[in-house]
């Protein structure tokens, strides 16, 4: 499983990108468990809140031909599961 997280925007306008292959990463099983418990593949690919000062994230997961992406803005109400997943991705790098 390949997990990618990409950010754009925010006050500084800088981007961030993370890519993890769960088969080759020490925290791979934990990340896969988080994806399963959050029902990532069933989540709606909703567009994030609008705002130039907000950092917008897209998390994409490729798993054996199945691909799904979600988008959210940091601090956005209702994005708690994705923000927790993002924290886990950031700490896994």
PDB file of N, CA and C in Angstrom:
ATOM      1  N   UNK A   1       0.850  -1.163   0.000  1.00  0.00           N
ATOM      2  CA  UNK A   1       0.000   0.000   0.000  1.00  0.00           C
ATOM      3  C   UNK A   1       0.904   1.237   0.000  1.00  0.00           C
ATOM      4  N   UNK A   2       0.571   2.207  -0.855  1.00  0.00           N
ATOM      5  CA  UNK A   2       1.308   3.459  -0.935  1.00  0.00           C
ATOM      6  C   UNK A   2       0.406   4.571  -0.411  1.00  0.00           C
ATOM      7  N   UNK A   3       0.924   5.336   0.557  1.00  0.00           N
ATOM      8  CA  UNK A   3       0.195   6.462   1.121  1.00  0.00           C
ATOM      9  C   UNK A   3       0.961   7.726   0.772  1.00  0.00           C
ATOM     10  N   UNK A   4       0.263   8.689   0.181  1.00  0.00           N
ATOM     11  CA  UNK A   4       0.855   9.980  -0.148  1.00  0.00           C
ATOM     12  C   UNK A   4       0.043  11.072   0.529  1.00  0.00           C
ATOM     13  N   UNK A   5       0.722  12.044   1.078  1.00  0.00           N
ATOM     14  CA  UNK A   5       0.067  13.210   1.670  1.00  0.00           C
ATOM     15  C   UNK A   5       0.764  14.448   1.131  1.00  0.00           C
ATOM     16  N   UNK A   6      -0.020  15.369   0.589  1.00  0.00           N
ATOM     17  CA  UNK A   6       0.523  16.574  -0.014  1.00  0.00           C
ATOM     18  C   UNK A   6      -0.226  17.792   0.504  1.00  0.00           C
ATOM     19  N   UNK A   7       0.521  18.813   0.886  1.00  0.00           N
ATOM     20  CA  UNK A   7      -0.075  20.055   1.385  1.00  0.00           C
ATOM     21  C   UNK A   7       0.303  21.211   0.485  1.00  0.00           C
ATOM     22  N   UNK A   8      -0.624  22.164   0.396  1.00  0.00           N
ATOM     23  CA  UNK A   8      -0.375  23.396  -0.323  1.00  0.00           C
ATOM     24  C   UNK A   8      -1.087  24.519   0.399  1.00  0.00           C
ATOM     25  N   UNK A   9      -0.579  25.714   0.223  1.00  0.00           N
ATOM     26  CA  UNK A   9      -1.235  26.882   0.788  1.00  0.00           C
ATOM     27  C   UNK A   9      -0.689  27.253   2.141  1.00  0.00           C
ATOM     28  N   UNK A  10      -1.538  27.921   2.900  1.00  0.00           N
ATOM     29  CA  UNK A  10      -1.112  28.422   4.192  1.00  0.00           C
ATOM     30  C   UNK A  10      -0.450  29.776   4.050  1.00  0.00           C
ATOM     31  N   UNK A  11      -0.084  30.367   5.182  1.00  0.00           N
ATOM     32  CA  UNK A  11       0.521  31.697   5.168  1.00  0.00           C
ATOM     33  C   UNK A  11       1.814  31.736   4.369  1.00  0.00           C
ATOM     34  N   UNK A  12       2.635  30.708   4.511  1.00  0.00           N
ATOM     35  CA  UNK A  12       3.940  30.713   3.833  1.00  0.00           C
ATOM     36  C   UNK A  12       3.861  30.260   2.387  1.00  0.00           C
ATOM     37  N   UNK A  13       2.786  29.589   2.012  1.00  0.00           N
ATOM     38  CA  UNK A  13       2.634  29.116   0.643  1.00  0.00           C
ATOM     39  C   UNK A  13       3.516  27.939   0.294  1.00  0.00           C
ATOM     40  N   UNK A  14       4.198  27.377   1.282  1.00  0.00           N
ATOM     41  CA  UNK A  14       5.076  26.240   1.018  1.00  0.00           C
ATOM     42  C   UNK A  14       4.273  24.955   0.920  1.00  0.00           C
ATOM     43  N   UNK A  15       4.838  23.998   0.216  1.00  0.00           N
ATOM     44  CA  UNK A  15       4.183  22.702   0.102  1.00  0.00           C
ATOM     45  C   UNK A  15       4.963  21.660   0.898  1.00  0.00           C
ATOM     46  N   UNK A  16       4.270  20.621   1.292  1.00  0.00           N
ATOM     47  CA  UNK A  16       4.883  19.465   1.964  1.00  0.00           C
ATOM     48  C   UNK A  16       4.417  18.225   1.223  1.00  0.00           C
ATOM     49  N   UNK A  17       5.267  17.192   1.235  1.00  0.00           N
ATOM     50  CA  UNK A  17       4.875  15.935   0.603  1.00  0.00           C
ATOM     51  C   UNK A  17       5.503  14.773   1.358  1.00  0.00           C
ATOM     52  N   UNK A  18       4.686  13.774   1.611  1.00  0.00           N
ATOM     53  CA  UNK A  18       5.141  12.548   2.260  1.00  0.00           C
ATOM     54  C   UNK A  18       4.678  11.378   1.404  1.00  0.00           C
ATOM     55  N   UNK A  19       5.517  10.353   1.325  1.00  0.00           N
ATOM     56  CA  UNK A  19       5.162   9.128   0.596  1.00  0.00           C
ATOM     57  C   UNK A  19       5.676   7.950   1.399  1.00  0.00           C
ATOM     58  N   UNK A  20       4.770   7.024   1.716  1.00  0.00           N
ATOM     59  CA  UNK A  20       5.139   5.862   2.525  1.00  0.00           C
ATOM     60  C   UNK A  20       4.630   4.598   1.838  1.00  0.00           C
ATOM     61  N   UNK A  21       5.522   3.646   1.677  1.00  0.00           N
ATOM     62  CA  UNK A  21       5.154   2.307   1.225  1.00  0.00           C
ATOM     63  C   UNK A  21       5.007   1.468   2.491  1.00  0.00           C
ATOM     64  N   UNK A  22       3.788   1.115   2.843  1.00  0.00           N
ATOM     65  CA  UNK A  22       3.538   0.432   4.113  1.00  0.00           C
ATOM     66  C   UNK A  22       4.180  -0.948   4.184  1.00  0.00           C
ATOM     67  N   UNK A  23       4.483  -1.542   3.030  1.00  0.00           N
ATOM     68  CA  UNK A  23       5.126  -2.865   3.033  1.00  0.00           C
ATOM     69  C   UNK A  23       6.582  -2.782   3.438  1.00  0.00           C
ATOM     70  N   UNK A  24       7.174  -1.587   3.319  1.00  0.00           N
ATOM     71  CA  UNK A  24       8.596  -1.429   3.591  1.00  0.00           C
ATOM     72  C   UNK A  24       8.877  -0.506   4.768  1.00  0.00           C
ATOM     73  N   UNK A  25       7.868  -0.091   5.468  1.00  0.00           N
ATOM     74  CA  UNK A  25       8.044   0.879   6.549  1.00  0.00           C
ATOM     75  C   UNK A  25       7.710   0.245   7.897  1.00  0.00           C
ATOM     76  N   UNK A  26       8.500   0.578   8.904  1.00  0.00           N
ATOM     77  CA  UNK A  26       8.301   0.010  10.242  1.00  0.00           C
ATOM     78  C   UNK A  26       6.920   0.318  10.810  1.00  0.00           C
ATOM     79  N   UNK A  27       6.344   1.457  10.471  1.00  0.00           N
ATOM     80  CA  UNK A  27       5.018   1.815  10.971  1.00  0.00           C
ATOM     81  C   UNK A  27       3.904   1.486   9.973  1.00  0.00           C
ATOM     82  N   UNK A  28       4.230   0.701   8.970  1.00  0.00           N
ATOM     83  CA  UNK A  28       3.278   0.372   7.920  1.00  0.00           C
ATOM     84  C   UNK A  28       1.997  -0.284   8.411  1.00  0.00           C
ATOM     85  N   UNK A  29       2.127  -1.270   9.278  1.00  0.00           N
ATOM     86  CA  UNK A  29       0.933  -1.962   9.774  1.00  0.00           C
ATOM     87  C   UNK A  29       0.055  -1.029  10.595  1.00  0.00           C
ATOM     88  N   UNK A  30       0.662  -0.161  11.384  1.00  0.00           N
ATOM     89  CA  UNK A  30      -0.107   0.789  12.191  1.00  0.00           C
ATOM     90  C   UNK A  30      -0.857   1.779  11.293  1.00  0.00           C
ATOM     91  N   UNK A  31      -0.211   2.231  10.226  1.00  0.00           N
ATOM     92  CA  UNK A  31      -0.879   3.133   9.289  1.00  0.00           C
ATOM     93  C   UNK A  31      -2.043   2.439   8.588  1.00  0.00           C
ATOM     94  N   UNK A  32      -1.839   1.187   8.179  1.00  0.00           N
ATOM     95  CA  UNK A  32      -2.920   0.435   7.540  1.00  0.00           C
ATOM     96  C   UNK A  32      -4.090   0.228   8.501  1.00  0.00           C
ATOM     97  N   UNK A  33      -3.793   0.002   9.768  1.00  0.00           N
ATOM     98  CA  UNK A  33      -4.849  -0.171  10.771  1.00  0.00           C
ATOM     99  C   UNK A  33      -5.634   1.130  10.949  1.00  0.00           C
ATOM    100  N   UNK A  34      -4.940   2.258  10.943  1.00  0.00           N
ATOM    101  CA  UNK A  34      -5.613   3.548  11.054  1.00  0.00           C
ATOM    102  C   UNK A  34      -6.520   3.793   9.858  1.00  0.00           C
ATOM    103  N   UNK A  35      -6.038   3.472   8.672  1.00  0.00           N
ATOM    104  CA  UNK A  35      -6.864   3.624   7.469  1.00  0.00           C
ATOM    105  C   UNK A  35      -8.119   2.763   7.554  1.00  0.00           C
ATOM    106  N   UNK A  36      -7.968   1.535   8.015  1.00  0.00           N
ATOM    107  CA  UNK A  36      -9.115   0.625   8.121  1.00  0.00           C
ATOM    108  C   UNK A  36     -10.116   1.133   9.155  1.00  0.00           C
ATOM    109  N   UNK A  37      -9.627   1.562  10.317  1.00  0.00           N
ATOM    110  CA  UNK A  37     -10.540   1.998  11.381  1.00  0.00           C
ATOM    111  C   UNK A  37     -11.243   3.310  11.039  1.00  0.00           C
ATOM    112  N   UNK A  38     -10.642   4.114  10.179  1.00  0.00           N
ATOM    113  CA  UNK A  38     -11.271   5.382   9.774  1.00  0.00           C
ATOM    114  C   UNK A  38     -12.156   5.215   8.531  1.00  0.00           C
ATOM    115  N   UNK A  39     -12.212   4.003   7.983  1.00  0.00           N
ATOM    116  CA  UNK A  39     -13.012   3.716   6.776  1.00  0.00           C
ATOM    117  C   UNK A  39     -12.609   4.646   5.628  1.00  0.00           C
ATOM    118  N   UNK A  40     -11.304   4.784   5.456  1.00  0.00           N
ATOM    119  CA  UNK A  40     -10.752   5.706   4.470  1.00  0.00           C
ATOM    120  C   UNK A  40     -11.332   5.493   3.078  1.00  0.00           C
ATOM    121  N   UNK A  41     -11.394   4.250   2.630  1.00  0.00           N
ATOM    122  CA  UNK A  41     -11.838   3.989   1.254  1.00  0.00           C
ATOM    123  C   UNK A  41     -13.328   4.245   1.049  1.00  0.00           C
ATOM    124  N   UNK A  42     -14.091   4.362   2.125  1.00  0.00           N
ATOM    125  CA  UNK A  42     -15.518   4.663   2.029  1.00  0.00           C
ATOM    126  C   UNK A  42     -15.796   6.153   2.222  1.00  0.00           C
ATOM    127  N   UNK A  43     -14.794   6.912   2.612  1.00  0.00           N
ATOM    128  CA  UNK A  43     -14.983   8.342   2.891  1.00  0.00           C
ATOM    129  C   UNK A  43     -15.207   9.125   1.605  1.00  0.00           C
ATOM    130  N   UNK A  44     -16.068  10.122   1.698  1.00  0.00           N
ATOM    131  CA  UNK A  44     -16.323  10.991   0.552  1.00  0.00           C
ATOM    132  C   UNK A  44     -15.094  11.845   0.274  1.00  0.00           C
ATOM    133  N   UNK A  45     -14.743  12.003  -0.988  1.00  0.00           N
ATOM    134  CA  UNK A  45     -13.583  12.831  -1.341  1.00  0.00           C
ATOM    135  C   UNK A  45     -13.945  14.308  -1.328  1.00  0.00           C
ATOM    136  N   UNK A  46     -14.441  14.802  -0.191  1.00  0.00           N
ATOM    137  CA  UNK A  46     -14.929  16.173  -0.071  1.00  0.00           C
ATOM    138  C   UNK A  46     -13.832  17.194  -0.298  1.00  0.00           C
ATOM    139  N   UNK A  47     -14.234  18.328  -0.842  1.00  0.00           N
ATOM    140  CA  UNK A  47     -13.301  19.440  -1.035  1.00  0.00           C
ATOM    141  C   UNK A  47     -13.119  20.152   0.296  1.00  0.00           C
ATOM    142  N   UNK A  48     -11.935  20.658   0.547  1.00  0.00           N
ATOM    143  CA  UNK A  48     -11.673  21.344   1.821  1.00  0.00           C
ATOM    144  C   UNK A  48     -12.321  22.720   1.883  1.00  0.00           C
ATOM    145  N   UNK A  49     -12.302  23.297   3.072  1.00  0.00           N
ATOM    146  CA  UNK A  49     -12.800  24.648   3.273  1.00  0.00           C
ATOM    147  C   UNK A  49     -11.975  25.623   2.432  1.00  0.00           C
ATOM    148  N   UNK A  50     -12.607  26.723   2.063  1.00  0.00           N
ATOM    149  CA  UNK A  50     -11.948  27.717   1.228  1.00  0.00           C
ATOM    150  C   UNK A  50     -11.262  28.744   2.118  1.00  0.00           C
ATOM    151  N   UNK A  51     -10.066  29.112   1.754  1.00  0.00           N
ATOM    152  CA  UNK A  51      -9.334  30.144   2.486  1.00  0.00           C
ATOM    153  C   UNK A  51      -7.873  30.123   2.090  1.00  0.00           C
ATOM    154  N   UNK A  52      -7.367  31.255   1.634  1.00  0.00           N
ATOM    155  CA  UNK A  52      -5.984  31.314   1.149  1.00  0.00           C
ATOM    156  C   UNK A  52      -4.975  31.072   2.261  1.00  0.00           C
ATOM    157  N   UNK A  53      -5.356  31.371   3.501  1.00  0.00           N
ATOM    158  CA  UNK A  53      -4.411  31.218   4.606  1.00  0.00           C
ATOM    159  C   UNK A  53      -4.440  29.824   5.223  1.00  0.00           C
ATOM    160  N   UNK A  54      -5.291  28.949   4.710  1.00  0.00           N
ATOM    161  CA  UNK A  54      -5.397  27.594   5.236  1.00  0.00           C
ATOM    162  C   UNK A  54      -4.479  26.654   4.467  1.00  0.00           C
ATOM    163  N   UNK A  55      -3.857  25.744   5.190  1.00  0.00           N
ATOM    164  CA  UNK A  55      -3.045  24.735   4.526  1.00  0.00           C
ATOM    165  C   UNK A  55      -3.971  23.579   4.156  1.00  0.00           C
ATOM    166  N   UNK A  56      -4.055  23.291   2.861  1.00  0.00           N
ATOM    167  CA  UNK A  56      -4.928  22.244   2.340  1.00  0.00           C
ATOM    168  C   UNK A  56      -4.123  20.973   2.099  1.00  0.00           C
ATOM    169  N   UNK A  57      -4.683  19.850   2.547  1.00  0.00           N
ATOM    170  CA  UNK A  57      -4.022  18.553   2.414  1.00  0.00           C
ATOM    171  C   UNK A  57      -4.843  17.628   1.535  1.00  0.00           C
ATOM    172  N   UNK A  58      -4.146  16.808   0.771  1.00  0.00           N
ATOM    173  CA  UNK A  58      -4.756  15.691   0.053  1.00  0.00           C
ATOM    174  C   UNK A  58      -3.987  14.441   0.443  1.00  0.00           C
ATOM    175  N   UNK A  59      -4.719  13.446   0.929  1.00  0.00           N
ATOM    176  CA  UNK A  59      -4.128  12.146   1.252  1.00  0.00           C
ATOM    177  C   UNK A  59      -4.678  11.150   0.241  1.00  0.00           C
ATOM    178  N   UNK A  60      -3.770  10.463  -0.435  1.00  0.00           N
ATOM    179  CA  UNK A  60      -4.127   9.467  -1.446  1.00  0.00           C
ATOM    180  C   UNK A  60      -3.538   8.130  -1.046  1.00  0.00           C
ATOM    181  N   UNK A  61      -4.346   7.085  -1.178  1.00  0.00           N
ATOM    182  CA  UNK A  61      -3.893   5.729  -0.868  1.00  0.00           C
ATOM    183  C   UNK A  61      -4.115   4.856  -2.094  1.00  0.00           C
ATOM    184  N   UNK A  62      -3.055   4.163  -2.509  1.00  0.00           N
ATOM    185  CA  UNK A  62      -3.114   3.174  -3.589  1.00  0.00           C
ATOM    186  C   UNK A  62      -2.913   1.804  -2.961  1.00  0.00           C
ATOM    187  N   UNK A  63      -3.877   0.924  -3.172  1.00  0.00           N
ATOM    188  CA  UNK A  63      -3.805  -0.416  -2.587  1.00  0.00           C
ATOM    189  C   UNK A  63      -4.298  -1.447  -3.589  1.00  0.00           C
ATOM    190  N   UNK A  64      -3.364  -2.147  -4.211  1.00  0.00           N
ATOM    191  CA  UNK A  64      -3.702  -3.219  -5.160  1.00  0.00           C
ATOM    192  C   UNK A  64      -4.720  -2.783  -6.203  1.00  0.00           C
ATOM    193  N   UNK A  65      -4.456  -1.657  -6.845  1.00  0.00           N
ATOM    194  CA  UNK A  65      -5.329  -1.175  -7.909  1.00  0.00           C
ATOM    195  C   UNK A  65      -6.487  -0.318  -7.432  1.00  0.00           C
ATOM    196  N   UNK A  66      -6.709  -0.247  -6.145  1.00  0.00           N
ATOM    197  CA  UNK A  66      -7.757   0.615  -5.596  1.00  0.00           C
ATOM    198  C   UNK A  66      -7.093   1.924  -5.175  1.00  0.00           C
ATOM    199  N   UNK A  67      -7.652   3.042  -5.621  1.00  0.00           N
ATOM    200  CA  UNK A  67      -7.075   4.354  -5.313  1.00  0.00           C
ATOM    201  C   UNK A  67      -8.174   5.264  -4.793  1.00  0.00           C
ATOM    202  N   UNK A  68      -7.866   5.952  -3.692  1.00  0.00           N
ATOM    203  CA  UNK A  68      -8.852   6.864  -3.109  1.00  0.00           C
ATOM    204  C   UNK A  68      -8.122   8.053  -2.507  1.00  0.00           C
ATOM    205  N   UNK A  69      -8.721   9.230  -2.624  1.00  0.00           N
ATOM    206  CA  UNK A  69      -8.146  10.457  -2.073  1.00  0.00           C
ATOM    207  C   UNK A  69      -9.187  11.206  -1.260  1.00  0.00           C
ATOM    208  N   UNK A  70      -8.724  11.863  -0.228  1.00  0.00           N
ATOM    209  CA  UNK A  70      -9.555  12.783   0.539  1.00  0.00           C
ATOM    210  C   UNK A  70      -8.782  14.092   0.660  1.00  0.00           C
ATOM    211  N   UNK A  71      -9.518  15.179   0.821  1.00  0.00           N
ATOM    212  CA  UNK A  71      -8.904  16.494   0.976  1.00  0.00           C
ATOM    213  C   UNK A  71      -9.527  17.194   2.164  1.00  0.00           C
ATOM    214  N   UNK A  72      -8.715  17.991   2.839  1.00  0.00           N
ATOM    215  CA  UNK A  72      -9.212  18.761   3.976  1.00  0.00           C
ATOM    216  C   UNK A  72      -8.258  19.912   4.252  1.00  0.00           C
ATOM    217  N   UNK A  73      -8.727  20.866   5.030  1.00  0.00           N
ATOM    218  CA  UNK A  73      -7.886  21.977   5.476  1.00  0.00           C
ATOM    219  C   UNK A  73      -7.531  21.738   6.928  1.00  0.00           C
ATOM    220  N   UNK A  74      -6.285  22.048   7.294  1.00  0.00           N
ATOM    221  CA  UNK A  74      -5.874  21.880   8.693  1.00  0.00           C
ATOM    222  C   UNK A  74      -6.782  22.715   9.577  1.00  0.00           C
ATOM    223  N   UNK A  75      -7.258  22.095  10.654  1.00  0.00           N
ATOM    224  CA  UNK A  75      -8.141  22.769  11.589  1.00  0.00           C
ATOM    225  C   UNK A  75      -9.605  22.749  11.190  1.00  0.00           C
ATOM    226  N   UNK A  76      -9.917  22.161  10.047  1.00  0.00           N
ATOM    227  CA  UNK A  76     -11.292  22.117   9.555  1.00  0.00           C
ATOM    228  C   UNK A  76     -12.157  21.223  10.443  1.00  0.00           C
ATOM    229  N   UNK A  77     -13.328  21.715  10.796  1.00  0.00           N
ATOM    230  CA  UNK A  77     -14.270  20.916  11.579  1.00  0.00           C
ATOM    231  C   UNK A  77     -14.662  19.678  10.781  1.00  0.00           C
ATOM    232  N   UNK A  78     -14.718  18.546  11.433  1.00  0.00           N
ATOM    233  CA  UNK A  78     -15.098  17.302  10.767  1.00  0.00           C
ATOM    234  C   UNK A  78     -13.944  16.547  10.139  1.00  0.00           C
ATOM    235  N   UNK A  79     -12.749  17.113  10.184  1.00  0.00           N
ATOM    236  CA  UNK A  79     -11.593  16.461   9.560  1.00  0.00           C
ATOM    237  C   UNK A  79     -10.692  15.789  10.593  1.00  0.00           C
ATOM    238  N   UNK A  80     -11.190  15.601  11.792  1.00  0.00           N
ATOM    239  CA  UNK A  80     -10.380  15.039  12.874  1.00  0.00           C
ATOM    240  C   UNK A  80      -9.733  13.704  12.513  1.00  0.00           C
ATOM    241  N   UNK A  81     -10.470  12.744  11.925  1.00  0.00           N
ATOM    242  CA  UNK A  81      -9.809  11.467  11.584  1.00  0.00           C
ATOM    243  C   UNK A  81      -8.649  11.647  10.603  1.00  0.00           C
ATOM    244  N   UNK A  82      -8.804  12.581   9.668  1.00  0.00           N
ATOM    245  CA  UNK A  82      -7.764  12.782   8.648  1.00  0.00           C
ATOM    246  C   UNK A  82      -6.585  13.532   9.242  1.00  0.00           C
ATOM    247  N   UNK A  83      -6.842  14.414  10.185  1.00  0.00           N
ATOM    248  CA  UNK A  83      -5.747  15.112  10.841  1.00  0.00           C
ATOM    249  C   UNK A  83      -4.936  14.157  11.720  1.00  0.00           C
ATOM    250  N   UNK A  84      -5.616  13.210  12.352  1.00  0.00           N
ATOM    251  CA  UNK A  84      -4.905  12.194  13.132  1.00  0.00           C
ATOM    252  C   UNK A  84      -4.063  11.309  12.223  1.00  0.00           C
ATOM    253  N   UNK A  85      -4.628  10.925  11.080  1.00  0.00           N
ATOM    254  CA  UNK A  85      -3.880  10.139  10.101  1.00  0.00           C
ATOM    255  C   UNK A  85      -2.668  10.929   9.617  1.00  0.00           C
ATOM    256  N   UNK A  86      -2.849  12.206   9.347  1.00  0.00           N
ATOM    257  CA  UNK A  86      -1.745  13.051   8.909  1.00  0.00           C
ATOM    258  C   UNK A  86      -0.639  13.117   9.964  1.00  0.00           C
ATOM    259  N   UNK A  87      -0.997  13.247  11.211  1.00  0.00           N
ATOM    260  CA  UNK A  87       0.009  13.257  12.285  1.00  0.00           C
ATOM    261  C   UNK A  87       0.811  11.959  12.276  1.00  0.00           C
ATOM    262  N   UNK A  88       0.116  10.862  12.063  1.00  0.00           N
ATOM    263  CA  UNK A  88       0.781   9.556  12.031  1.00  0.00           C
ATOM    264  C   UNK A  88       1.721   9.465  10.830  1.00  0.00           C
ATOM    265  N   UNK A  89       1.285   9.981   9.682  1.00  0.00           N
ATOM    266  CA  UNK A  89       2.135   9.981   8.485  1.00  0.00           C
ATOM    267  C   UNK A  89       3.373  10.836   8.712  1.00  0.00           C
ATOM    268  N   UNK A  90       3.185  12.025   9.270  1.00  0.00           N
ATOM    269  CA  UNK A  90       4.316  12.913   9.524  1.00  0.00           C
ATOM    270  C   UNK A  90       5.328  12.294  10.490  1.00  0.00           C
ATOM    271  N   UNK A  91       4.838  11.632  11.509  1.00  0.00           N
ATOM    272  CA  UNK A  91       5.758  11.044  12.480  1.00  0.00           C
ATOM    273  C   UNK A  91       6.448   9.790  11.936  1.00  0.00           C
ATOM    274  N   UNK A  92       5.916   9.205  10.878  1.00  0.00           N
ATOM    275  CA  UNK A  92       6.489   7.992  10.297  1.00  0.00           C
ATOM    276  C   UNK A  92       7.647   8.286   9.356  1.00  0.00           C
ATOM    277  N   UNK A  93       7.813   9.479   8.951  1.00  0.00           N
ATOM    278  CA  UNK A  93       8.846   9.777   7.928  1.00  0.00           C
ATOM    279  C   UNK A  93      10.204   9.614   8.440  1.00  0.00           C
TER     280      UNK A  93
END
